[in-house]
């Protein structure tokens, strides 16, 4: 444990950010799973609507600093490619 007051504060904020980021990543994984499930059932309308939601959430994750922009771009393009194959 740190002895310096500012580092103690920093540790608290880091922990809050870590929990928030984990929650956001978990939500993203759930949404991506929904897209993949709708692709598996060949439901194009559901897949496209879920893809729109996931794309928006991925962009928001990038703006909040949860994900790197290239990671989000790779995920979006991969999902879009799968949806277009239906």
Foldseek 3Di string as FASTA:
>chain_A
DDPDPVVVVVVVVVVVVVVVLVVLVVVLVVLLVQLVVCLVVVPLVSNVVSLVVSLVSLVVCCVVVSDPPVVSVVSSVVSVVSSVVD
